Amino acid sequence: MLERKTGKEFRESGLLWFINTTLHMFGWAIVWEPDTDEIYAARTKFRGFDDENNTKGYINVSKYLKENIDELLKEASE
């Protein structure tokens, strides 16, 4: 039912950015520490990302979906 992934994989997929775009509204964020690969929730004063990071985030999430859509649909249908 679960497949463990690293924090780096989560970040590179664009999903860390995607989730944080919503969490920032509430003053929260998911933080990834690359040196330890630790992921944790934290309070933040950040409220969103700049245009460059948003563009990168949308591109990364789009790539992730393109590369994984068949498997996602299969899993959802099982």
C-alpha atoms as a PDB file:
ATOM      1  CA  MET A   1       0.000   0.000   0.000  1.00  0.00           C
ATOM      2  CA  LEU A   2       2.933   2.357   0.605  1.00  0.00           C
ATOM      3  CA  GLU A   3       6.142   3.001  -1.267  1.00  0.00           C
ATOM      4  CA  ARG A   4       8.661   5.020   0.717  1.00  0.00           C
ATOM      5  CA  LYS A   5      10.105   8.025  -1.149  1.00  0.00           C
ATOM      6  CA  THR A   6      12.831  10.438  -0.153  1.00  0.00           C
ATOM      7  CA  GLY A   7      12.280  14.075   0.640  1.00  0.00           C
ATOM      8  CA  LYS A   8      14.372  14.890  -2.413  1.00  0.00           C
ATOM      9  CA  GLU A   9      12.007  12.922  -4.662  1.00  0.00           C
ATOM     10  CA  PHE A  10       9.021  14.684  -3.070  1.00  0.00           C
ATOM     11  CA  ARG A  11      10.612  18.098  -3.692  1.00  0.00           C
ATOM     12  CA  GLU A  12      11.683  17.290  -7.261  1.00  0.00           C
ATOM     13  CA  SER A  13       8.161  16.136  -8.146  1.00  0.00           C
ATOM     14  CA  GLY A  14       6.904  19.636  -7.387  1.00  0.00           C
ATOM     15  CA  LEU A  15       4.517  18.293  -4.770  1.00  0.00           C
ATOM     16  CA  LEU A  16       6.325  19.923  -1.816  1.00  0.00           C
ATOM     17  CA  TRP A  17       5.888  23.309  -3.518  1.00  0.00           C
ATOM     18  CA  PHE A  18       2.284  22.470  -4.440  1.00  0.00           C
ATOM     19  CA  ILE A  19       1.279  21.531  -0.894  1.00  0.00           C
ATOM     20  CA  ASN A  20       3.099  24.534   0.560  1.00  0.00           C
ATOM     21  CA  THR A  21       1.230  26.941  -1.722  1.00  0.00           C
ATOM     22  CA  THR A  22      -1.921  25.987   0.191  1.00  0.00           C
ATOM     23  CA  LEU A  23      -0.348  25.625   3.634  1.00  0.00           C
ATOM     24  CA  HIS A  24       1.165  29.128   3.439  1.00  0.00           C
ATOM     25  CA  MET A  25      -2.371  30.540   3.513  1.00  0.00           C
ATOM     26  CA  PHE A  26      -2.657  29.206   7.059  1.00  0.00           C
ATOM     27  CA  GLY A  27       0.868  30.094   8.172  1.00  0.00           C
ATOM     28  CA  TRP A  28       2.152  26.531   7.868  1.00  0.00           C
ATOM     29  CA  ALA A  29       4.710  24.770   5.684  1.00  0.00           C
ATOM     30  CA  ILE A  30       6.184  21.346   5.133  1.00  0.00           C
ATOM     31  CA  VAL A  31       9.967  21.676   5.454  1.00  0.00           C
ATOM     32  CA  TRP A  32      12.548  19.368   3.902  1.00  0.00           C
ATOM     33  CA  GLU A  33      16.056  19.275   5.390  1.00  0.00           C
ATOM     34  CA  PRO A  34      18.273  17.991   2.534  1.00  0.00           C
ATOM     35  CA  ASP A  35      21.235  17.116   4.789  1.00  0.00           C
ATOM     36  CA  THR A  36      19.173  14.634   6.828  1.00  0.00           C
ATOM     37  CA  ASP A  37      16.254  14.042   4.426  1.00  0.00           C
ATOM     38  CA  GLU A  38      13.980  14.928   7.352  1.00  0.00           C
ATOM     39  CA  ILE A  39      10.530  16.292   6.588  1.00  0.00           C
ATOM     40  CA  TYR A  40       8.448  18.106   9.193  1.00  0.00           C
ATOM     41  CA  ALA A  41       5.633  20.625   9.566  1.00  0.00           C
ATOM     42  CA  ALA A  42       6.416  24.145  10.754  1.00  0.00           C
ATOM     43  CA  ARG A  43       4.775  27.511  11.285  1.00  0.00           C
ATOM     44  CA  THR A  44       5.926  30.149   8.824  1.00  0.00           C
ATOM     45  CA  LYS A  45       5.539  33.820   8.008  1.00  0.00           C
ATOM     46  CA  PHE A  46       5.852  33.042   4.283  1.00  0.00           C
ATOM     47  CA  ARG A  47       2.716  33.661   2.257  1.00  0.00           C
ATOM     48  CA  GLY A  48       3.409  32.216  -1.158  1.00  0.00           C
ATOM     49  CA  PHE A  49       6.291  32.062  -3.601  1.00  0.00           C
ATOM     50  CA  ASP A  50       7.813  34.411  -6.148  1.00  0.00           C
ATOM     51  CA  ASP A  51       7.047  34.109  -9.863  1.00  0.00           C
ATOM     52  CA  GLU A  52      10.235  32.161 -10.653  1.00  0.00           C
ATOM     53  CA  ASN A  53       9.527  29.481  -8.026  1.00  0.00           C
ATOM     54  CA  ASN A  54       5.862  29.283  -9.014  1.00  0.00           C
ATOM     55  CA  THR A  55       6.823  28.730 -12.651  1.00  0.00           C
ATOM     56  CA  LYS A  56       9.301  25.990 -11.662  1.00  0.00           C
ATOM     57  CA  GLY A  57       6.680  24.430  -9.400  1.00  0.00           C
ATOM     58  CA  TYR A  58       4.018  24.301 -12.110  1.00  0.00           C
ATOM     59  CA  ILE A  59       6.522  22.803 -14.555  1.00  0.00           C
ATOM     60  CA  ASN A  60       7.649  20.140 -12.052  1.00  0.00           C
ATOM     61  CA  VAL A  61       4.090  19.130 -11.121  1.00  0.00           C
ATOM     62  CA  SER A  62       3.148  18.978 -14.820  1.00  0.00           C
ATOM     63  CA  LYS A  63       6.168  16.748 -15.551  1.00  0.00           C
ATOM     64  CA  TYR A  64       5.280  14.522 -12.609  1.00  0.00           C
ATOM     65  CA  LEU A  65       1.712  14.129 -13.851  1.00  0.00           C
ATOM     66  CA  LYS A  66       2.836  13.462 -17.423  1.00  0.00           C
ATOM     67  CA  GLU A  67       5.253  10.747 -16.281  1.00  0.00           C
ATOM     68  CA  ASN A  68       2.908   9.121 -13.749  1.00  0.00           C
ATOM     69  CA  ILE A  69      -0.656   9.621 -14.975  1.00  0.00           C
ATOM     70  CA  ASP A  70      -1.191   6.044 -16.209  1.00  0.00           C
ATOM     71  CA  GLU A  71      -0.062   4.564 -12.895  1.00  0.00           C
ATOM     72  CA  LEU A  72      -2.105   7.084 -10.898  1.00  0.00           C
ATOM     73  CA  LEU A  73      -5.240   6.219 -12.858  1.00  0.00           C
ATOM     74  CA  LYS A  74      -4.578   2.494 -12.494  1.00  0.00           C
ATOM     75  CA  GLU A  75      -4.089   2.803  -8.710  1.00  0.00           C
ATOM     76  CA  ALA A  76      -7.207   4.922  -8.315  1.00  0.00           C
ATOM     77  CA  SER A  77      -9.250   2.370 -10.247  1.00  0.00           C
ATOM     78  CA  GLU A  78      -8.117  -0.700  -8.279  1.00  0.00           C
END
